[in-house]
N, C-alpha and C. Protein backbone atom coordinates (compact mmCIF):
# COMPACT_ATOMS: atom_id res chain seq x y z
N UNK A 1 14.79 -13.54 -1.78
CA UNK A 1 13.67 -12.58 -1.38
C UNK A 1 14.29 -11.26 -0.85
N UNK A 2 13.72 -10.19 -1.23
CA UNK A 2 14.22 -8.92 -0.79
C UNK A 2 13.71 -8.59 0.61
N UNK A 3 14.47 -7.68 1.30
CA UNK A 3 14.07 -7.26 2.60
C UNK A 3 13.23 -6.09 2.55
N UNK A 4 11.89 -6.19 2.65
CA UNK A 4 10.99 -4.99 2.52
C UNK A 4 10.70 -4.30 3.86
N UNK A 5 11.21 -4.74 4.93
CA UNK A 5 10.93 -4.16 6.24
C UNK A 5 11.18 -2.65 6.33
N UNK A 6 12.40 -2.23 6.00
CA UNK A 6 12.75 -0.84 6.17
C UNK A 6 11.97 0.07 5.17
N UNK A 7 11.96 -0.26 3.88
CA UNK A 7 11.15 0.68 2.97
C UNK A 7 9.69 0.71 3.43
N UNK A 8 9.15 -0.38 3.92
CA UNK A 8 7.78 -0.53 4.33
C UNK A 8 7.51 0.53 5.48
N UNK A 9 8.47 0.56 6.45
CA UNK A 9 8.26 1.45 7.60
C UNK A 9 8.35 2.88 7.17
N UNK A 10 9.20 3.23 6.24
CA UNK A 10 9.31 4.57 5.73
C UNK A 10 8.00 4.97 5.03
N UNK A 11 7.44 4.15 4.17
CA UNK A 11 6.27 4.35 3.41
C UNK A 11 5.08 4.55 4.47
N UNK A 12 4.96 3.72 5.46
CA UNK A 12 4.00 3.72 6.46
C UNK A 12 4.01 5.04 7.18
N UNK A 13 5.20 5.48 7.56
CA UNK A 13 5.39 6.73 8.36
C UNK A 13 4.99 7.94 7.45
N UNK A 14 5.37 7.96 6.26
CA UNK A 14 5.04 9.02 5.36
C UNK A 14 3.49 9.03 5.10
N UNK A 15 2.87 7.86 4.96
CA UNK A 15 1.49 7.85 4.75
C UNK A 15 0.67 8.35 5.96
N UNK A 16 1.18 8.03 7.07
CA UNK A 16 0.58 8.58 8.34
C UNK A 16 0.60 10.06 8.43
N UNK A 17 1.81 10.58 7.97
CA UNK A 17 2.03 12.10 7.97
C UNK A 17 1.00 12.72 7.00
N UNK A 18 0.90 12.17 5.78
CA UNK A 18 -0.02 12.77 4.79
C UNK A 18 -1.45 12.64 5.29
N UNK A 19 -1.84 11.53 5.94
CA UNK A 19 -3.23 11.40 6.31
C UNK A 19 -3.52 12.33 7.54
N UNK A 20 -2.51 12.71 8.31
CA UNK A 20 -2.68 13.56 9.43
C UNK A 20 -2.89 14.99 8.86
N UNK A 21 -2.39 15.24 7.73
CA UNK A 21 -2.62 16.54 7.02
C UNK A 21 -3.90 16.49 6.24
N UNK A 22 -4.72 15.52 6.42
CA UNK A 22 -6.06 15.28 5.72
C UNK A 22 -5.88 15.14 4.22
N UNK A 23 -4.80 14.61 3.78
CA UNK A 23 -4.57 14.25 2.40
C UNK A 23 -4.83 12.80 2.17
N UNK A 24 -5.21 12.49 0.86
CA UNK A 24 -5.37 11.02 0.39
C UNK A 24 -4.03 10.46 0.19
N UNK A 25 -3.90 9.13 0.22
CA UNK A 25 -2.67 8.43 -0.01
C UNK A 25 -2.93 7.44 -1.04
N UNK A 26 -2.15 7.34 -2.10
CA UNK A 26 -2.28 6.34 -3.14
C UNK A 26 -1.03 5.38 -2.89
N UNK A 27 -1.39 4.20 -2.68
CA UNK A 27 -0.27 3.15 -2.45
C UNK A 27 -0.09 2.43 -3.80
N UNK A 28 1.08 2.36 -4.24
CA UNK A 28 1.37 1.57 -5.49
C UNK A 28 2.50 0.63 -5.27
N UNK A 29 2.18 -0.63 -5.60
CA UNK A 29 3.21 -1.72 -5.45
C UNK A 29 3.41 -2.15 -6.90
N UNK A 30 4.71 -2.13 -7.27
CA UNK A 30 5.06 -2.47 -8.65
C UNK A 30 5.70 -3.78 -8.73
N UNK A 31 5.16 -4.61 -9.63
CA UNK A 31 5.73 -5.97 -9.77
C UNK A 31 6.64 -5.86 -10.93
N UNK A 32 7.81 -6.57 -10.85
CA UNK A 32 8.82 -6.63 -11.92
C UNK A 32 9.07 -8.06 -12.26
N UNK A 33 9.16 -8.40 -13.58
CA UNK A 33 9.59 -9.71 -13.98
C UNK A 33 8.60 -10.78 -13.52
N UNK A 34 9.24 -11.68 -12.89
CA UNK A 34 8.53 -12.94 -12.39
C UNK A 34 7.70 -12.63 -11.24
N UNK A 35 7.79 -11.44 -10.65
CA UNK A 35 7.03 -11.13 -9.45
C UNK A 35 5.52 -11.19 -9.79
N UNK A 36 5.15 -11.03 -11.02
CA UNK A 36 3.74 -11.14 -11.45
C UNK A 36 3.16 -12.51 -11.21
N UNK A 37 4.03 -13.51 -11.10
CA UNK A 37 3.53 -14.87 -10.86
C UNK A 37 3.07 -14.94 -9.32
N UNK A 38 3.48 -14.01 -8.55
CA UNK A 38 3.17 -14.10 -7.05
C UNK A 38 2.47 -12.92 -6.60
N UNK A 39 1.30 -12.60 -7.33
CA UNK A 39 0.54 -11.37 -7.00
C UNK A 39 -0.06 -11.45 -5.59
N UNK A 40 -0.31 -12.74 -5.11
CA UNK A 40 -0.90 -12.88 -3.78
C UNK A 40 -0.01 -12.34 -2.67
N UNK A 41 1.33 -12.39 -2.88
CA UNK A 41 2.18 -11.84 -1.94
C UNK A 41 2.04 -10.27 -1.85
N UNK A 42 1.94 -9.64 -3.04
CA UNK A 42 1.80 -8.19 -3.07
C UNK A 42 0.45 -7.83 -2.53
N UNK A 43 -0.62 -8.60 -2.72
CA UNK A 43 -1.88 -8.24 -2.07
C UNK A 43 -1.84 -8.40 -0.64
N UNK A 44 -1.03 -9.25 -0.04
CA UNK A 44 -0.88 -9.41 1.35
C UNK A 44 -0.25 -8.18 1.95
N UNK A 45 0.83 -7.72 1.26
CA UNK A 45 1.53 -6.47 1.65
C UNK A 45 0.51 -5.29 1.61
N UNK A 46 -0.25 -5.16 0.61
CA UNK A 46 -1.23 -4.02 0.49
C UNK A 46 -2.26 -4.14 1.65
N UNK A 47 -2.74 -5.33 1.90
CA UNK A 47 -3.80 -5.50 2.95
C UNK A 47 -3.16 -5.22 4.26
N UNK A 48 -1.88 -5.59 4.59
CA UNK A 48 -1.21 -5.28 5.75
C UNK A 48 -1.08 -3.77 5.90
N UNK A 49 -0.64 -3.03 4.86
CA UNK A 49 -0.60 -1.65 4.87
C UNK A 49 -1.93 -0.99 5.35
N UNK A 50 -2.96 -1.44 4.61
CA UNK A 50 -4.33 -0.91 4.88
C UNK A 50 -4.70 -1.08 6.42
N UNK A 51 -4.29 -2.31 6.91
CA UNK A 51 -4.65 -2.69 8.25
C UNK A 51 -3.91 -1.90 9.28
N UNK A 52 -2.60 -1.61 8.91
CA UNK A 52 -1.76 -0.83 9.84
C UNK A 52 -2.28 0.63 9.95
N UNK A 53 -2.92 1.16 8.93
CA UNK A 53 -3.40 2.55 8.92
C UNK A 53 -4.93 2.55 9.18
N UNK A 54 -5.52 1.57 9.61
CA UNK A 54 -6.97 1.42 9.77
C UNK A 54 -7.43 2.46 10.75
N UNK A 55 -6.69 2.73 11.72
CA UNK A 55 -7.10 3.71 12.82
C UNK A 55 -7.21 5.17 12.30
N UNK A 56 -6.37 5.47 11.27
CA UNK A 56 -6.31 6.87 10.76
C UNK A 56 -6.83 6.96 9.37
N UNK A 57 -7.12 5.85 8.65
CA UNK A 57 -7.61 5.98 7.25
C UNK A 57 -8.66 4.93 6.93
N UNK A 58 -9.35 5.19 5.92
CA UNK A 58 -10.35 4.25 5.41
C UNK A 58 -10.01 3.93 4.00
N UNK A 59 -10.27 2.77 3.48
CA UNK A 59 -10.01 2.40 2.12
C UNK A 59 -11.05 3.10 1.18
N UNK A 60 -10.59 3.89 0.32
CA UNK A 60 -11.43 4.60 -0.63
C UNK A 60 -11.62 3.77 -1.88
N UNK A 61 -10.57 3.07 -2.33
CA UNK A 61 -10.59 2.26 -3.56
C UNK A 61 -9.91 0.99 -3.16
N UNK A 62 -10.63 -0.18 -3.37
CA UNK A 62 -10.09 -1.44 -3.11
C UNK A 62 -8.84 -1.66 -3.96
N UNK A 63 -7.94 -2.55 -3.50
CA UNK A 63 -6.79 -2.82 -4.27
C UNK A 63 -7.12 -3.37 -5.64
N UNK A 64 -6.56 -2.76 -6.70
CA UNK A 64 -6.74 -3.27 -8.01
C UNK A 64 -5.52 -3.36 -8.81
N UNK A 65 -5.54 -4.30 -9.71
CA UNK A 65 -4.25 -4.52 -10.51
C UNK A 65 -4.43 -3.72 -11.86
N UNK A 66 -3.48 -2.94 -12.12
CA UNK A 66 -3.39 -2.09 -13.32
C UNK A 66 -2.05 -2.40 -14.00
N UNK A 67 -2.06 -3.39 -14.89
CA UNK A 67 -0.86 -3.81 -15.56
C UNK A 67 0.07 -4.41 -14.48
N UNK A 68 1.32 -3.94 -14.39
CA UNK A 68 2.20 -4.51 -13.35
C UNK A 68 2.15 -3.83 -11.99
N UNK A 69 1.04 -3.07 -11.79
CA UNK A 69 0.94 -2.30 -10.56
C UNK A 69 -0.27 -2.66 -9.76
N UNK A 70 -0.12 -2.80 -8.46
CA UNK A 70 -1.32 -2.97 -7.57
C UNK A 70 -1.48 -1.60 -6.82
N UNK A 71 -2.74 -1.15 -7.03
CA UNK A 71 -3.01 0.18 -6.45
C UNK A 71 -4.08 0.18 -5.44
N UNK A 72 -3.88 1.05 -4.40
CA UNK A 72 -4.76 1.13 -3.29
C UNK A 72 -4.93 2.64 -2.88
N UNK A 73 -6.11 3.16 -2.70
CA UNK A 73 -6.27 4.61 -2.37
C UNK A 73 -6.85 4.63 -0.94
N UNK A 74 -6.21 5.32 -0.02
CA UNK A 74 -6.62 5.58 1.27
C UNK A 74 -7.15 6.99 1.48
N UNK A 75 -8.16 7.27 2.31
CA UNK A 75 -8.63 8.66 2.68
C UNK A 75 -8.52 8.72 4.19
N UNK A 76 -8.31 9.94 4.60
CA UNK A 76 -8.38 10.12 6.10
C UNK A 76 -9.69 9.86 6.71
N UNK A 77 -9.78 9.44 8.00
CA UNK A 77 -11.00 9.27 8.64
C UNK A 77 -11.59 10.52 9.12
């Protein structure tokens, strides 16, 4: 299993910066190979991302699967 902690923190910090500038944020999680068999893990990461930004953002588009990508759109509060 890969260590996603550091890239997650970078993406979270950048998302907070964009939301502070009143921009929307599109979160894309890409599945590769056999990762498609474990979509529930990706959904958990996306839900955690939305929860971590709940104070500064609202979910504009619920997470949706588009091929091998899971997409979430957040808008500033």
